[in-house]
Amino acid sequence: ERVLSALEEAGVFTSGGLVKDKVLFSSMENGRISFVRQLEPDWHIDTNPDIVFQLARFIKYQLCISPVKPERSASNVFCSPSFEQFFGLVDRN
């Protein structure tokens, strides 16, 4: 619910082209790579840098949420210490 709310606040359902009913979540890391590859989404958001790295060549855009920027990255991978910071939902004062 918090992620969907943050996405709504960021306007990605109105101006970003995402469809709220097509946002999926998975808490299990085992099999997530296969799951994501089969669905072929335009965007994938993950907290595991290894999964992001392995999917980089298959997924159009990715967001890696991690307090530390991953050592390995690709041009289609964005990194942020938090979901809220990436979407500009945090007051940076």
N, C-alpha and C. Protein backbone atom coordinates (compact mmCIF):
# COMPACT_ATOMS: atom_id res chain seq x y z
N GLU A 1 0.81 -1.20 0.00
CA GLU A 1 0.00 0.00 0.00
C GLU A 1 0.86 1.27 0.00
N ARG A 2 1.97 1.24 0.76
CA ARG A 2 2.85 2.41 0.82
C ARG A 2 3.50 2.68 -0.52
N VAL A 3 3.91 1.65 -1.22
CA VAL A 3 4.55 1.82 -2.53
C VAL A 3 3.54 2.35 -3.54
N LEU A 4 2.36 1.77 -3.56
CA LEU A 4 1.34 2.25 -4.48
C LEU A 4 0.98 3.71 -4.20
N SER A 5 0.91 4.05 -2.92
CA SER A 5 0.62 5.43 -2.54
C SER A 5 1.74 6.37 -3.00
N ALA A 6 2.98 5.94 -2.82
CA ALA A 6 4.11 6.76 -3.26
C ALA A 6 4.12 6.93 -4.77
N LEU A 7 3.80 5.87 -5.49
CA LEU A 7 3.73 5.96 -6.95
C LEU A 7 2.62 6.93 -7.38
N GLU A 8 1.49 6.87 -6.69
CA GLU A 8 0.40 7.79 -6.99
C GLU A 8 0.82 9.23 -6.73
N GLU A 9 1.46 9.47 -5.58
CA GLU A 9 1.93 10.82 -5.24
C GLU A 9 2.93 11.34 -6.25
N ALA A 10 3.75 10.44 -6.80
CA ALA A 10 4.75 10.85 -7.79
C ALA A 10 4.12 11.09 -9.16
N GLY A 11 2.87 10.70 -9.33
CA GLY A 11 2.17 10.94 -10.58
C GLY A 11 2.46 9.95 -11.69
N VAL A 12 3.06 8.82 -11.35
CA VAL A 12 3.44 7.88 -12.43
C VAL A 12 2.24 7.18 -13.06
N PHE A 13 1.11 7.17 -12.39
CA PHE A 13 -0.07 6.55 -12.98
C PHE A 13 -0.80 7.51 -13.92
N THR A 14 -0.60 8.80 -13.72
CA THR A 14 -1.27 9.77 -14.59
C THR A 14 -0.34 10.27 -15.69
N SER A 15 0.89 10.60 -15.33
CA SER A 15 1.81 11.16 -16.34
C SER A 15 2.91 10.19 -16.76
N GLY A 16 3.13 9.14 -15.98
CA GLY A 16 4.23 8.23 -16.28
C GLY A 16 3.84 7.03 -17.11
N GLY A 17 2.55 6.85 -17.32
CA GLY A 17 2.11 5.76 -18.17
C GLY A 17 1.99 4.41 -17.50
N LEU A 18 2.24 4.32 -16.19
CA LEU A 18 2.07 3.04 -15.50
C LEU A 18 0.60 2.80 -15.23
N VAL A 19 0.22 1.52 -15.25
CA VAL A 19 -1.16 1.13 -14.95
C VAL A 19 -1.17 0.51 -13.56
N LYS A 20 -1.92 1.13 -12.67
CA LYS A 20 -1.94 0.70 -11.27
C LYS A 20 -2.30 -0.78 -11.12
N ASP A 21 -3.22 -1.27 -11.93
CA ASP A 21 -3.65 -2.66 -11.83
C ASP A 21 -2.60 -3.65 -12.32
N LYS A 22 -1.53 -3.15 -12.94
CA LYS A 22 -0.49 -4.03 -13.46
C LYS A 22 0.79 -3.98 -12.64
N VAL A 23 0.76 -3.33 -11.47
CA VAL A 23 1.92 -3.28 -10.59
C VAL A 23 1.91 -4.55 -9.74
N LEU A 24 3.01 -5.30 -9.78
CA LEU A 24 3.12 -6.55 -9.04
C LEU A 24 4.23 -6.46 -8.01
N PHE A 25 4.08 -7.25 -6.94
CA PHE A 25 5.07 -7.28 -5.87
C PHE A 25 5.46 -8.72 -5.60
N SER A 26 6.72 -8.92 -5.23
CA SER A 26 7.20 -10.25 -4.85
C SER A 26 8.19 -10.10 -3.71
N SER A 27 7.93 -10.79 -2.61
CA SER A 27 8.84 -10.73 -1.47
C SER A 27 9.87 -11.86 -1.51
N MET A 28 9.72 -12.80 -2.41
CA MET A 28 10.64 -13.93 -2.49
C MET A 28 11.71 -13.68 -3.54
N GLU A 29 12.97 -13.72 -3.11
CA GLU A 29 14.06 -13.48 -4.06
C GLU A 29 14.28 -14.68 -4.97
N ASN A 30 14.08 -15.89 -4.47
CA ASN A 30 14.25 -17.08 -5.31
C ASN A 30 13.20 -17.06 -6.41
N GLY A 31 13.64 -17.13 -7.61
CA GLY A 31 12.74 -17.17 -8.74
C GLY A 31 12.30 -15.82 -9.28
N ARG A 32 12.68 -14.72 -8.59
CA ARG A 32 12.24 -13.40 -9.05
C ARG A 32 12.82 -13.06 -10.42
N ILE A 33 14.03 -13.45 -10.68
CA ILE A 33 14.64 -13.16 -11.98
C ILE A 33 13.83 -13.82 -13.10
N SER A 34 13.48 -15.08 -12.93
CA SER A 34 12.69 -15.79 -13.93
C SER A 34 11.31 -15.15 -14.06
N PHE A 35 10.69 -14.83 -12.96
CA PHE A 35 9.37 -14.20 -12.93
C PHE A 35 9.39 -12.89 -13.71
N VAL A 36 10.35 -12.05 -13.45
CA VAL A 36 10.45 -10.75 -14.11
C VAL A 36 10.76 -10.92 -15.60
N ARG A 37 11.65 -11.82 -15.93
CA ARG A 37 11.98 -12.04 -17.34
C ARG A 37 10.78 -12.52 -18.14
N GLN A 38 9.97 -13.38 -17.55
CA GLN A 38 8.80 -13.89 -18.25
C GLN A 38 7.77 -12.80 -18.49
N LEU A 39 7.63 -11.89 -17.55
CA LEU A 39 6.65 -10.81 -17.68
C LEU A 39 7.12 -9.70 -18.61
N GLU A 40 8.43 -9.55 -18.76
CA GLU A 40 9.04 -8.51 -19.60
C GLU A 40 8.47 -7.11 -19.33
N PRO A 41 8.56 -6.65 -18.08
CA PRO A 41 8.03 -5.31 -17.78
C PRO A 41 8.95 -4.22 -18.34
N ASP A 42 8.40 -3.01 -18.46
CA ASP A 42 9.23 -1.87 -18.84
C ASP A 42 10.08 -1.42 -17.66
N TRP A 43 9.57 -1.58 -16.45
CA TRP A 43 10.26 -1.15 -15.23
C TRP A 43 10.33 -2.29 -14.23
N HIS A 44 11.45 -2.36 -13.52
CA HIS A 44 11.60 -3.31 -12.41
C HIS A 44 12.30 -2.55 -11.28
N ILE A 45 11.74 -2.63 -10.09
CA ILE A 45 12.33 -1.98 -8.91
C ILE A 45 12.70 -3.07 -7.93
N ASP A 46 13.94 -3.02 -7.44
CA ASP A 46 14.42 -4.08 -6.55
C ASP A 46 15.41 -3.51 -5.54
N THR A 47 15.54 -4.20 -4.43
CA THR A 47 16.52 -3.82 -3.41
C THR A 47 17.76 -4.70 -3.45
N ASN A 48 17.75 -5.71 -4.30
CA ASN A 48 18.88 -6.61 -4.40
C ASN A 48 19.72 -6.25 -5.63
N PRO A 49 20.92 -5.67 -5.42
CA PRO A 49 21.76 -5.27 -6.55
C PRO A 49 22.14 -6.42 -7.48
N ASP A 50 22.26 -7.64 -6.95
CA ASP A 50 22.60 -8.79 -7.79
C ASP A 50 21.47 -9.10 -8.78
N ILE A 51 20.24 -9.03 -8.30
CA ILE A 51 19.09 -9.28 -9.18
C ILE A 51 19.02 -8.19 -10.24
N VAL A 52 19.21 -6.95 -9.84
CA VAL A 52 19.19 -5.83 -10.80
C VAL A 52 20.26 -6.03 -11.86
N PHE A 53 21.45 -6.41 -11.46
CA PHE A 53 22.56 -6.63 -12.40
C PHE A 53 22.21 -7.75 -13.39
N GLN A 54 21.65 -8.84 -12.88
CA GLN A 54 21.33 -9.98 -13.74
C GLN A 54 20.21 -9.65 -14.74
N LEU A 55 19.31 -8.74 -14.38
CA LEU A 55 18.21 -8.38 -15.25
C LEU A 55 18.51 -7.21 -16.18
N ALA A 56 19.63 -6.55 -15.99
CA ALA A 56 19.94 -5.31 -16.71
C ALA A 56 19.83 -5.45 -18.23
N ARG A 57 20.21 -6.57 -18.78
CA ARG A 57 20.17 -6.70 -20.24
C ARG A 57 18.80 -7.09 -20.77
N PHE A 58 17.87 -7.42 -19.87
CA PHE A 58 16.54 -7.86 -20.31
C PHE A 58 15.43 -6.84 -20.08
N ILE A 59 15.62 -5.94 -19.12
CA ILE A 59 14.56 -5.02 -18.71
C ILE A 59 14.91 -3.61 -19.17
N LYS A 60 13.93 -2.90 -19.70
CA LYS A 60 14.18 -1.58 -20.27
C LYS A 60 14.71 -0.59 -19.23
N TYR A 61 14.07 -0.51 -18.07
CA TYR A 61 14.50 0.40 -17.00
C TYR A 61 14.43 -0.33 -15.67
N GLN A 62 15.40 -0.04 -14.81
CA GLN A 62 15.40 -0.61 -13.48
C GLN A 62 15.77 0.45 -12.46
N LEU A 63 15.24 0.26 -11.26
CA LEU A 63 15.58 1.11 -10.14
C LEU A 63 16.08 0.22 -9.03
N CYS A 64 17.31 0.47 -8.59
CA CYS A 64 17.89 -0.27 -7.49
C CYS A 64 17.81 0.61 -6.24
N ILE A 65 17.06 0.16 -5.25
CA ILE A 65 16.93 0.88 -4.00
C ILE A 65 17.96 0.29 -3.04
N SER A 66 18.98 1.07 -2.73
CA SER A 66 20.05 0.59 -1.87
C SER A 66 20.78 1.78 -1.26
N PRO A 67 21.15 1.69 0.02
CA PRO A 67 21.89 2.79 0.63
C PRO A 67 23.29 2.98 0.02
N VAL A 68 23.79 1.92 -0.61
CA VAL A 68 25.11 1.96 -1.24
C VAL A 68 24.93 1.71 -2.73
N LYS A 69 25.53 2.57 -3.55
CA LYS A 69 25.43 2.39 -5.00
C LYS A 69 26.15 1.11 -5.41
N PRO A 70 25.48 0.25 -6.17
CA PRO A 70 26.11 -1.01 -6.59
C PRO A 70 27.37 -0.76 -7.41
N GLU A 71 28.34 -1.65 -7.26
CA GLU A 71 29.59 -1.54 -8.00
C GLU A 71 29.36 -1.75 -9.49
N ARG A 72 28.50 -2.70 -9.83
CA ARG A 72 28.20 -3.01 -11.22
C ARG A 72 26.88 -2.33 -11.57
N SER A 73 26.87 -1.65 -12.69
CA SER A 73 25.65 -0.98 -13.11
C SER A 73 25.62 -0.89 -14.63
N ALA A 74 24.46 -0.56 -15.14
CA ALA A 74 24.29 -0.39 -16.58
C ALA A 74 23.57 0.92 -16.83
N SER A 75 23.55 1.36 -18.07
CA SER A 75 22.95 2.66 -18.39
C SER A 75 21.44 2.70 -18.16
N ASN A 76 20.79 1.55 -18.14
CA ASN A 76 19.36 1.50 -17.91
C ASN A 76 18.99 1.26 -16.44
N VAL A 77 19.99 1.34 -15.56
CA VAL A 77 19.77 1.12 -14.13
C VAL A 77 19.95 2.43 -13.38
N PHE A 78 18.92 2.81 -12.65
CA PHE A 78 18.97 3.99 -11.80
C PHE A 78 19.13 3.52 -10.37
N CYS A 79 19.85 4.27 -9.57
CA CYS A 79 20.08 3.90 -8.18
C CYS A 79 19.65 5.04 -7.27
N SER A 80 19.09 4.67 -6.13
CA SER A 80 18.66 5.65 -5.15
C SER A 80 18.70 5.01 -3.77
N PRO A 81 19.03 5.80 -2.74
CA PRO A 81 19.02 5.24 -1.38
C PRO A 81 17.62 4.93 -0.88
N SER A 82 16.59 5.56 -1.50
CA SER A 82 15.22 5.25 -1.10
C SER A 82 14.27 5.49 -2.27
N PHE A 83 13.17 4.83 -2.21
CA PHE A 83 12.12 4.97 -3.20
C PHE A 83 11.61 6.41 -3.23
N GLU A 84 11.40 6.96 -2.04
CA GLU A 84 10.88 8.32 -1.93
C GLU A 84 11.84 9.35 -2.52
N GLN A 85 13.13 9.17 -2.30
CA GLN A 85 14.11 10.12 -2.85
C GLN A 85 14.13 10.06 -4.37
N PHE A 86 14.02 8.89 -4.94
CA PHE A 86 14.05 8.76 -6.39
C PHE A 86 12.90 9.54 -7.03
N PHE A 87 11.72 9.45 -6.43
CA PHE A 87 10.55 10.12 -6.98
C PHE A 87 10.37 11.53 -6.44
N GLY A 88 11.35 12.03 -5.69
CA GLY A 88 11.29 13.40 -5.20
C GLY A 88 10.22 13.62 -4.16
N LEU A 89 9.92 12.60 -3.38
CA LEU A 89 8.88 12.71 -2.37
C LEU A 89 9.44 13.02 -0.99
N VAL A 90 10.75 13.29 -0.91
CA VAL A 90 11.40 13.59 0.36
C VAL A 90 11.87 15.02 0.36
N ASP A 91 11.59 15.74 1.43
CA ASP A 91 12.11 17.10 1.57
C ASP A 91 13.58 16.99 1.88
N ARG A 92 14.43 17.53 1.05
CA ARG A 92 15.89 17.35 1.19
C ARG A 92 16.55 18.46 2.01
N ASN A 93 15.79 19.21 2.76
CA ASN A 93 16.36 20.26 3.63
C ASN A 93 16.96 19.67 4.87
